[in-house]
C-alpha atoms as a PDB file:
ATOM      1  CA  MET A   1      -0.062   0.060  -0.013  1.00  0.00           C
ATOM      2  CA  ILE A   2       1.362   3.450  -1.000  1.00  0.00           C
ATOM      3  CA  SER A   3       1.616   5.855   1.859  1.00  0.00           C
ATOM      4  CA  LEU A   4       1.218   9.725   1.671  1.00  0.00           C
ATOM      5  CA  ALA A   5       4.958  10.045   2.246  1.00  0.00           C
ATOM      6  CA  ASP A   6       5.566   7.863  -0.825  1.00  0.00           C
ATOM      7  CA  LEU A   7       3.316  10.154  -2.859  1.00  0.00           C
ATOM      8  CA  ALA A   8       4.855  13.373  -1.685  1.00  0.00           C
ATOM      9  CA  PRO A   9       7.569  13.641  -4.401  1.00  0.00           C
ATOM     10  CA  THR A  10       4.842  12.997  -7.108  1.00  0.00           C
ATOM     11  CA  LEU A  11       2.558  15.648  -5.699  1.00  0.00           C
ATOM     12  CA  TRP A  12       5.329  18.154  -5.463  1.00  0.00           C
ATOM     13  CA  ALA A  13       6.390  17.570  -9.046  1.00  0.00           C
ATOM     14  CA  LEU A  14       2.679  17.877 -10.241  1.00  0.00           C
ATOM     15  CA  ALA A  15       2.292  21.062  -8.306  1.00  0.00           C
ATOM     16  CA  VAL A  16       5.390  22.664  -9.815  1.00  0.00           C
ATOM     17  CA  LEU A  17       4.626  21.443 -13.336  1.00  0.00           C
ATOM     18  CA  ILE A  18       1.086  22.747 -13.134  1.00  0.00           C
ATOM     19  CA  LEU A  19       2.354  26.099 -11.767  1.00  0.00           C
ATOM     20  CA  ILE A  20       4.830  26.441 -14.660  1.00  0.00           C
ATOM     21  CA  THR A  21       2.232  25.544 -17.222  1.00  0.00           C
ATOM     22  CA  VAL A  22      -0.292  28.181 -15.888  1.00  0.00           C
ATOM     23  CA  LEU A  23       2.386  30.819 -15.586  1.00  0.00           C
ATOM     24  CA  VAL A  24       3.790  30.488 -18.985  1.00  0.00           C
ATOM     25  CA  LEU A  25       0.363  30.555 -20.669  1.00  0.00           C
ATOM     26  CA  ARG A  26      -0.821  33.492 -18.410  1.00  0.00           C
ATOM     27  CA  VAL A  27       2.250  35.532 -19.207  1.00  0.00           C
ATOM     28  CA  SER A  28       1.669  34.870 -22.910  1.00  0.00           C
ATOM     29  CA  ARG A  29      -1.972  35.734 -22.558  1.00  0.00           C
ATOM     30  CA  SER A  30      -3.120  32.477 -24.056  1.00  0.00           C
ATOM     31  CA  GLU A  31      -6.834  31.825 -24.054  1.00  0.00           C
ATOM     32  CA  ASP A  32      -8.072  29.562 -21.306  1.00  0.00           C
ATOM     33  CA  PHE A  33      -4.729  29.299 -19.675  1.00  0.00           C
ATOM     34  CA  VAL A  34      -6.153  27.302 -16.810  1.00  0.00           C
ATOM     35  CA  ALA A  35      -7.406  24.498 -18.971  1.00  0.00           C
ATOM     36  CA  PRO A  36      -4.161  22.491 -19.070  1.00  0.00           C
ATOM     37  CA  ALA A  37      -3.926  22.599 -15.296  1.00  0.00           C
ATOM     38  CA  VAL A  38      -7.446  21.333 -14.990  1.00  0.00           C
ATOM     39  CA  ALA A  39      -6.642  18.577 -17.542  1.00  0.00           C
ATOM     40  CA  ILE A  40      -3.653  17.508 -15.381  1.00  0.00           C
ATOM     41  CA  LEU A  41      -5.706  17.283 -12.131  1.00  0.00           C
ATOM     42  CA  ARG A  42      -8.620  15.562 -13.791  1.00  0.00           C
ATOM     43  CA  GLY A  43      -6.181  13.152 -15.515  1.00  0.00           C
ATOM     44  CA  ALA A  44      -4.523  12.381 -12.155  1.00  0.00           C
ATOM     45  CA  ALA A  45      -7.828  11.832 -10.401  1.00  0.00           C
ATOM     46  CA  GLN A  46      -9.050   9.557 -13.201  1.00  0.00           C
ATOM     47  CA  LEU A  47      -5.914   7.445 -13.289  1.00  0.00           C
ATOM     48  CA  ALA A  48      -6.019   7.022  -9.555  1.00  0.00           C
ATOM     49  CA  LEU A  49      -9.585   5.818  -9.764  1.00  0.00           C
ATOM     50  CA  ILE A  50      -8.988   3.509 -12.717  1.00  0.00           C
ATOM     51  CA  SER A  51      -5.973   2.134 -11.101  1.00  0.00           C
ATOM     52  CA  LEU A  52      -8.075   0.905  -8.171  1.00  0.00           C
ATOM     53  CA  VAL A  53     -10.793  -0.423 -10.459  1.00  0.00           C
ATOM     54  CA  LEU A  54      -8.392  -2.265 -12.844  1.00  0.00           C
ATOM     55  CA  GLY A  55      -6.849  -4.045 -10.095  1.00  0.00           C
ATOM     56  CA  GLY A  56     -10.154  -5.960  -9.634  1.00  0.00           C
ATOM     57  CA  ILE A  57     -11.136  -6.494 -13.252  1.00  0.00           C
ATOM     58  CA  ILE A  58      -8.022  -6.892 -15.319  1.00  0.00           C
ATOM     59  CA  THR A  59      -8.248 -10.715 -15.407  1.00  0.00           C
ATOM     60  CA  SER A  60     -12.200 -10.698 -16.181  1.00  0.00           C
ATOM     61  CA  PRO A  61     -13.072 -10.728 -19.895  1.00  0.00           C
ATOM     62  CA  VAL A  62     -16.504  -9.315 -19.143  1.00  0.00           C
ATOM     63  CA  TRP A  63     -15.286  -6.459 -17.016  1.00  0.00           C
ATOM     64  CA  VAL A  64     -12.500  -5.701 -19.513  1.00  0.00           C
ATOM     65  CA  GLY A  65     -15.162  -5.384 -22.204  1.00  0.00           C
ATOM     66  CA  VAL A  66     -17.226  -3.084 -19.988  1.00  0.00           C
ATOM     67  CA  ALA A  67     -14.159  -0.923 -19.366  1.00  0.00           C
ATOM     68  CA  LEU A  68     -13.229  -0.643 -22.970  1.00  0.00           C
ATOM     69  CA  LEU A  69     -16.926   0.202 -23.916  1.00  0.00           C
ATOM     70  CA  VAL A  70     -16.783   3.061 -21.292  1.00  0.00           C
ATOM     71  CA  MET A  71     -13.523   4.301 -22.631  1.00  0.00           C
ATOM     72  CA  PHE A  72     -14.879   4.146 -26.221  1.00  0.00           C
ATOM     73  CA  THR A  73     -18.047   6.034 -25.352  1.00  0.00           C
ATOM     74  CA  VAL A  74     -16.188   8.664 -23.474  1.00  0.00           C
ATOM     75  CA  ALA A  75     -13.711   9.058 -26.315  1.00  0.00           C
ATOM     76  CA  ALA A  76     -16.343   9.267 -28.987  1.00  0.00           C
ATOM     77  CA  GLY A  77     -18.244  11.945 -26.912  1.00  0.00           C
ATOM     78  CA  THR A  78     -15.071  14.006 -26.334  1.00  0.00           C
ATOM     79  CA  ALA A  79     -14.270  13.884 -29.999  1.00  0.00           C
ATOM     80  CA  THR A  80     -17.762  14.986 -30.974  1.00  0.00           C
ATOM     81  CA  ARG A  81     -17.798  17.902 -28.685  1.00  0.00           C
ATOM     82  CA  ARG A  82     -14.591  19.218 -30.215  1.00  0.00           C
ATOM     83  CA  LEU A  83     -16.446  19.118 -33.601  1.00  0.00           C
ATOM     84  CA  ALA A  84     -19.620  20.950 -32.291  1.00  0.00           C
ATOM     85  CA  TRP A  85     -21.964  18.364 -30.631  1.00  0.00           C
ATOM     86  CA  SER A  86     -24.902  16.901 -32.396  1.00  0.00           C
ATOM     87  CA  TRP A  87     -26.300  13.406 -32.141  1.00  0.00           C
ATOM     88  CA  ARG A  88     -25.718  12.893 -35.927  1.00  0.00           C
ATOM     89  CA  ARG A  89     -21.989  13.742 -35.565  1.00  0.00           C
ATOM     90  CA  PHE A  90     -21.783  11.612 -32.502  1.00  0.00           C
ATOM     91  CA  PHE A  91     -22.935   8.519 -34.363  1.00  0.00           C
ATOM     92  CA  ALA A  92     -20.699   9.341 -37.300  1.00  0.00           C
ATOM     93  CA  VAL A  93     -17.660   9.761 -34.984  1.00  0.00           C
ATOM     94  CA  ALA A  94     -18.494   6.652 -32.988  1.00  0.00           C
ATOM     95  CA  GLY A  95     -19.167   4.511 -36.056  1.00  0.00           C
ATOM     96  CA  THR A  96     -15.967   5.472 -37.823  1.00  0.00           C
ATOM     97  CA  MET A  97     -13.878   5.114 -34.740  1.00  0.00           C
ATOM     98  CA  ALA A  98     -15.367   1.660 -34.033  1.00  0.00           C
ATOM     99  CA  ALA A  99     -14.611   0.566 -37.586  1.00  0.00           C
ATOM    100  CA  GLY A 100     -10.893   1.528 -37.279  1.00  0.00           C
ATOM    101  CA  ILE A 101     -10.471   0.056 -33.809  1.00  0.00           C
ATOM    102  CA  VAL A 102     -12.198  -3.229 -34.530  1.00  0.00           C
ATOM    103  CA  VAL A 103     -10.196  -3.858 -37.774  1.00  0.00           C
ATOM    104  CA  ALA A 104      -6.849  -3.007 -36.045  1.00  0.00           C
ATOM    105  CA  LEU A 105      -7.515  -5.152 -32.918  1.00  0.00           C
ATOM    106  CA  ALA A 106      -8.870  -7.989 -35.039  1.00  0.00           C
ATOM    107  CA  VAL A 107      -5.592  -8.151 -36.953  1.00  0.00           C
ATOM    108  CA  VAL A 108      -3.414  -7.803 -33.890  1.00  0.00           C
ATOM    109  CA  PHE A 109      -5.148 -10.527 -31.880  1.00  0.00           C
ATOM    110  CA  GLY A 110      -6.252 -12.567 -34.846  1.00  0.00           C
ATOM    111  CA  THR A 111      -2.642 -13.134 -36.165  1.00  0.00           C
ATOM    112  CA  GLY A 112      -1.436 -13.816 -32.651  1.00  0.00           C
ATOM    113  CA  ALA A 113       0.953 -10.844 -32.813  1.00  0.00           C
ATOM    114  CA  ILE A 114      -0.131 -10.120 -29.119  1.00  0.00           C
ATOM    115  CA  GLU A 115      -1.582 -12.785 -26.866  1.00  0.00           C
ATOM    116  CA  PHE A 116      -5.314 -12.576 -26.755  1.00  0.00           C
ATOM    117  CA  THR A 117      -5.839 -12.128 -22.985  1.00  0.00           C
ATOM    118  CA  PRO A 118      -7.915  -9.583 -20.941  1.00  0.00           C
ATOM    119  CA  ARG A 119      -4.749  -7.728 -19.802  1.00  0.00           C
ATOM    120  CA  TYR A 120      -3.409  -7.180 -23.299  1.00  0.00           C
ATOM    121  CA  VAL A 121      -6.889  -6.609 -24.813  1.00  0.00           C
ATOM    122  CA  LEU A 122      -7.384  -3.787 -22.334  1.00  0.00           C
ATOM    123  CA  ALA A 123      -3.916  -2.308 -22.772  1.00  0.00           C
ATOM    124  CA  VAL A 124      -3.880  -2.333 -26.509  1.00  0.00           C
ATOM    125  CA  GLY A 125      -7.453  -1.386 -26.827  1.00  0.00           C
ATOM    126  CA  GLY A 126      -7.111   1.513 -24.543  1.00  0.00           C
ATOM    127  CA  ILE A 127      -4.174   2.941 -26.469  1.00  0.00           C
ATOM    128  CA  VAL A 128      -5.856   2.398 -29.912  1.00  0.00           C
ATOM    129  CA  ILE A 129      -9.137   4.094 -28.591  1.00  0.00           C
ATOM    130  CA  GLY A 130      -7.299   7.214 -27.337  1.00  0.00           C
ATOM    131  CA  ASN A 131      -5.316   7.693 -30.456  1.00  0.00           C
ATOM    132  CA  SER A 132      -8.299   7.187 -32.637  1.00  0.00           C
ATOM    133  CA  MET A 133     -10.081   9.779 -30.703  1.00  0.00           C
ATOM    134  CA  THR A 134      -7.342  12.357 -31.337  1.00  0.00           C
ATOM    135  CA  ILE A 135      -7.095  11.456 -34.968  1.00  0.00           C
ATOM    136  CA  ALA A 136     -10.974  11.886 -35.295  1.00  0.00           C
ATOM    137  CA  VAL A 137     -10.735  15.316 -33.678  1.00  0.00           C
ATOM    138  CA  LEU A 138      -7.759  16.465 -35.881  1.00  0.00           C
ATOM    139  CA  SER A 139      -9.255  15.297 -39.101  1.00  0.00           C
ATOM    140  CA  GLY A 140     -12.730  16.600 -38.379  1.00  0.00           C
ATOM    141  CA  ARG A 141     -11.606  19.990 -37.232  1.00  0.00           C
ATOM    142  CA  ARG A 142      -9.191  20.442 -40.088  1.00  0.00           C
ATOM    143  CA  PHE A 143     -11.816  19.486 -42.666  1.00  0.00           C
ATOM    144  CA  PHE A 144     -14.487  21.962 -41.300  1.00  0.00           C
ATOM    145  CA  GLU A 145     -11.845  24.634 -41.023  1.00  0.00           C
ATOM    146  CA  ALA A 146     -10.478  24.101 -44.513  1.00  0.00           C
ATOM    147  CA  VAL A 147     -13.972  24.050 -46.093  1.00  0.00           C
ATOM    148  CA  HIS A 148     -14.933  27.204 -44.130  1.00  0.00           C
ATOM    149  CA  GLU A 149     -11.848  29.103 -45.253  1.00  0.00           C
ATOM    150  CA  GLN A 150     -11.894  27.892 -48.821  1.00  0.00           C
ATOM    151  CA  TRP A 151     -15.660  28.001 -49.295  1.00  0.00           C
ATOM    152  CA  HIS A 152     -15.364  30.184 -52.398  1.00  0.00           C
ATOM    153  CA  GLU A 153     -13.494  27.224 -54.079  1.00  0.00           C
ATOM    154  CA  VAL A 154     -15.967  24.680 -52.822  1.00  0.00           C
ATOM    155  CA  GLU A 155     -18.918  26.851 -53.853  1.00  0.00           C
ATOM    156  CA  GLY A 156     -17.453  27.232 -57.314  1.00  0.00           C
ATOM    157  CA  TRP A 157     -17.261  23.394 -57.723  1.00  0.00           C
ATOM    158  CA  LEU A 158     -20.808  23.164 -56.493  1.00  0.00           C
ATOM    159  CA  ALA A 159     -22.004  25.716 -59.027  1.00  0.00           C
ATOM    160  CA  LEU A 160     -20.413  23.672 -61.722  1.00  0.00           C
ATOM    161  CA  GLY A 161     -22.474  20.692 -60.774  1.00  0.00           C
ATOM    162  CA  ALA A 162     -20.053  18.839 -58.522  1.00  0.00           C
ATOM    163  CA  THR A 163     -21.453  16.799 -55.602  1.00  0.00           C
ATOM    164  CA  GLY A 164     -20.580  17.828 -52.124  1.00  0.00           C
ATOM    165  CA  ARG A 165     -17.989  15.111 -51.880  1.00  0.00           C
ATOM    166  CA  GLN A 166     -16.420  16.049 -55.253  1.00  0.00           C
ATOM    167  CA  ALA A 167     -16.379  19.696 -54.210  1.00  0.00           C
ATOM    168  CA  THR A 168     -14.518  19.058 -51.049  1.00  0.00           C
ATOM    169  CA  LEU A 169     -12.111  16.420 -52.328  1.00  0.00           C
ATOM    170  CA  ALA A 170      -9.010  18.529 -51.856  1.00  0.00           C
ATOM    171  CA  GLN A 171     -10.047  19.578 -48.394  1.00  0.00           C
ATOM    172  CA  ALA A 172     -10.711  15.999 -47.472  1.00  0.00           C
ATOM    173  CA  ARG A 173      -7.364  14.723 -48.545  1.00  0.00           C
ATOM    174  CA  GLN A 174      -5.563  17.501 -46.688  1.00  0.00           C
ATOM    175  CA  SER A 175      -7.463  16.822 -43.607  1.00  0.00           C
ATOM    176  CA  VAL A 176      -6.743  13.146 -43.508  1.00  0.00           C
ATOM    177  CA  HIS A 177      -3.005  13.787 -44.130  1.00  0.00           C
ATOM    178  CA  ALA A 178      -2.851  16.474 -41.501  1.00  0.00           C
ATOM    179  CA  ALA A 179      -4.582  14.271 -38.853  1.00  0.00           C
ATOM    180  CA  LEU A 180      -2.090  11.368 -39.374  1.00  0.00           C
ATOM    181  CA  ILE A 181       1.087  13.545 -39.129  1.00  0.00           C
ATOM    182  CA  PRO A 182       1.497  13.265 -35.292  1.00  0.00           C
ATOM    183  CA  SER A 183       1.143   9.505 -35.255  1.00  0.00           C
ATOM    184  CA  THR A 184       3.347   9.091 -38.380  1.00  0.00           C
ATOM    185  CA  ASP A 185       6.110  11.247 -36.905  1.00  0.00           C
ATOM    186  CA  GLN A 186       5.817   9.401 -33.600  1.00  0.00           C
ATOM    187  CA  THR A 187       6.239   6.119 -35.287  1.00  0.00           C
ATOM    188  CA  LYS A 188       9.150   7.314 -37.379  1.00  0.00           C
ATOM    189  CA  THR A 189      11.045   8.750 -34.422  1.00  0.00           C
ATOM    190  CA  THR A 190      10.334   5.925 -31.999  1.00  0.00           C
ATOM    191  CA  GLY A 191      13.609   4.926 -30.380  1.00  0.00           C
ATOM    192  CA  LEU A 192      15.443   7.941 -31.683  1.00  0.00           C
ATOM    193  CA  VAL A 193      13.427  10.872 -30.219  1.00  0.00           C
ATOM    194  CA  THR A 194      10.934   9.167 -27.887  1.00  0.00           C
ATOM    195  CA  LEU A 195      10.530   6.032 -25.896  1.00  0.00           C
ATOM    196  CA  PRO A 196       6.728   5.395 -26.013  1.00  0.00           C
ATOM    197  CA  GLY A 197       4.761   4.554 -22.930  1.00  0.00           C
ATOM    198  CA  ALA A 198       3.876   1.017 -23.980  1.00  0.00           C
ATOM    199  CA  PHE A 199       7.640   0.184 -24.544  1.00  0.00           C
ATOM    200  CA  VAL A 200       8.629   1.727 -21.177  1.00  0.00           C
ATOM    201  CA  GLY A 201       5.749   0.055 -19.415  1.00  0.00           C
ATOM    202  CA  ALA A 202       6.545  -3.382 -20.850  1.00  0.00           C
ATOM    203  CA  ILE A 203      10.242  -3.054 -19.661  1.00  0.00           C
ATOM    204  CA  PHE A 204       9.094  -1.945 -16.190  1.00  0.00           C
ATOM    205  CA  GLY A 205       6.769  -4.827 -16.250  1.00  0.00           C
ATOM    206  CA  GLY A 206       9.765  -7.281 -16.666  1.00  0.00           C
ATOM    207  CA  ALA A 207       9.745  -7.794 -20.415  1.00  0.00           C
ATOM    208  CA  SER A 208      13.010  -7.851 -22.321  1.00  0.00           C
ATOM    209  CA  PRO A 209      13.859  -4.813 -24.460  1.00  0.00           C
ATOM    210  CA  LEU A 210      13.309  -6.987 -27.565  1.00  0.00           C
ATOM    211  CA  GLU A 211       9.992  -8.125 -26.412  1.00  0.00           C
ATOM    212  CA  ALA A 212       8.977  -4.610 -25.427  1.00  0.00           C
ATOM    213  CA  GLY A 213      10.083  -3.239 -28.785  1.00  0.00           C
ATOM    214  CA  ARG A 214       7.961  -5.981 -30.589  1.00  0.00           C
ATOM    215  CA  PHE A 215       4.930  -5.048 -28.519  1.00  0.00           C
ATOM    216  CA  GLN A 216       5.542  -1.263 -29.240  1.00  0.00           C
ATOM    217  CA  VAL A 217       5.845  -1.737 -32.979  1.00  0.00           C
ATOM    218  CA  VAL A 218       2.559  -3.701 -33.105  1.00  0.00           C
ATOM    219  CA  VAL A 219       0.866  -0.947 -31.090  1.00  0.00           C
ATOM    220  CA  LEU A 220       2.187   1.848 -33.320  1.00  0.00           C
ATOM    221  CA  ALA A 221       1.010  -0.075 -36.449  1.00  0.00           C
ATOM    222  CA  SER A 222      -2.386  -0.538 -34.876  1.00  0.00           C
ATOM    223  CA  ILE A 223      -2.662   3.112 -34.089  1.00  0.00           C
ATOM    224  CA  LEU A 224      -1.891   4.069 -37.710  1.00  0.00           C
ATOM    225  CA  ALA A 225      -4.278   1.489 -39.244  1.00  0.00           C
ATOM    226  CA  ALA A 226      -7.145   2.379 -36.951  1.00  0.00           C
ATOM    227  CA  GLY A 227      -6.436   6.129 -37.377  1.00  0.00           C
ATOM    228  CA  ALA A 228      -6.378   5.950 -41.177  1.00  0.00           C
ATOM    229  CA  ILE A 229      -9.733   4.115 -41.349  1.00  0.00           C
ATOM    230  CA  THR A 230     -11.201   6.495 -38.742  1.00  0.00           C
ATOM    231  CA  ALA A 231      -9.981   9.636 -40.604  1.00  0.00           C
ATOM    232  CA  VAL A 232     -10.952   8.526 -44.100  1.00  0.00           C
ATOM    233  CA  ALA A 233     -14.462   7.152 -43.116  1.00  0.00           C
ATOM    234  CA  LEU A 234     -15.199  10.169 -40.887  1.00  0.00           C
ATOM    235  CA  ILE A 235     -14.250  12.765 -43.541  1.00  0.00           C
ATOM    236  CA  HIS A 236     -16.225  10.677 -46.131  1.00  0.00           C
ATOM    237  CA  THR A 237     -19.154  11.066 -43.801  1.00  0.00           C
ATOM    238  CA  PHE A 238     -18.716  14.897 -43.380  1.00  0.00           C
ATOM    239  CA  ALA A 239     -17.678  15.564 -47.025  1.00  0.00           C
ATOM    240  CA  ALA A 240     -21.174  15.850 -48.557  1.00  0.00           C
ATOM    241  CA  VAL A 241     -21.563  19.569 -47.773  1.00  0.00           C
ATOM    242  CA  LYS A 242     -24.271  21.723 -49.197  1.00  0.00           C
ATOM    243  CA  VAL A 243     -23.797  24.902 -47.127  1.00  0.00           C
ATOM    244  CA  ARG A 244     -20.788  26.577 -45.564  1.00  0.00           C
ATOM    245  CA  PRO A 245     -19.987  25.076 -42.171  1.00  0.00           C
ATOM    246  CA  ASP A 246     -19.573  27.272 -39.199  1.00  0.00           C
ATOM    247  CA  ALA A 247     -15.987  27.962 -37.962  1.00  0.00           C
ATOM    248  CA  LEU A 248     -15.182  25.765 -35.042  1.00  0.00           C
END
């Protein structure tokens, strides 16, 4: 059992890092400079809670499935709010995210690349869900912003008789590309610039560096596959525009 004395260095580090974040953003007069601090506190509280919960469910397939469903629902809801909430958009985001996640996990566990156990399903599933949420947000926001900013071009194509998807083809391609840049760069620089969490966690868990590296590569490939499907499918759903979208 971890005591308060054991947590003291962690709490001090969090307090100093939060203070630095708020001060830097406040001095630069950034909008909503408190938001990152709130995010850190919320994340810490959620991780503390989920750590307690996972200790009792990590070996149960049923409860692992419930945990992943909760993660997915929260992720889809969060992504939709970033794109201006509506139930239509929520179902579009949830459906496209689900397609990418299911395909990626089916390949990973169907091929035996990673052992199909509740522990690994929860770990890989949670990572892929989180990254798919980010890619959905990036692709959706970039698409709506591009169409809004370049509406004269889109409107010109519509006036010439193009369908909504044909008129926004350039913006759709740009959006998908932009959304995948962070994940692509993370994958390209893994081991040179960054040591990803799954790799470090596997080593701390007792795995050999080679085994941890194998696990991480599979996870990174899963993120890109799920993200590509999510981004392409989501933008295809949004692309049939008829009126200029509002700026997000």
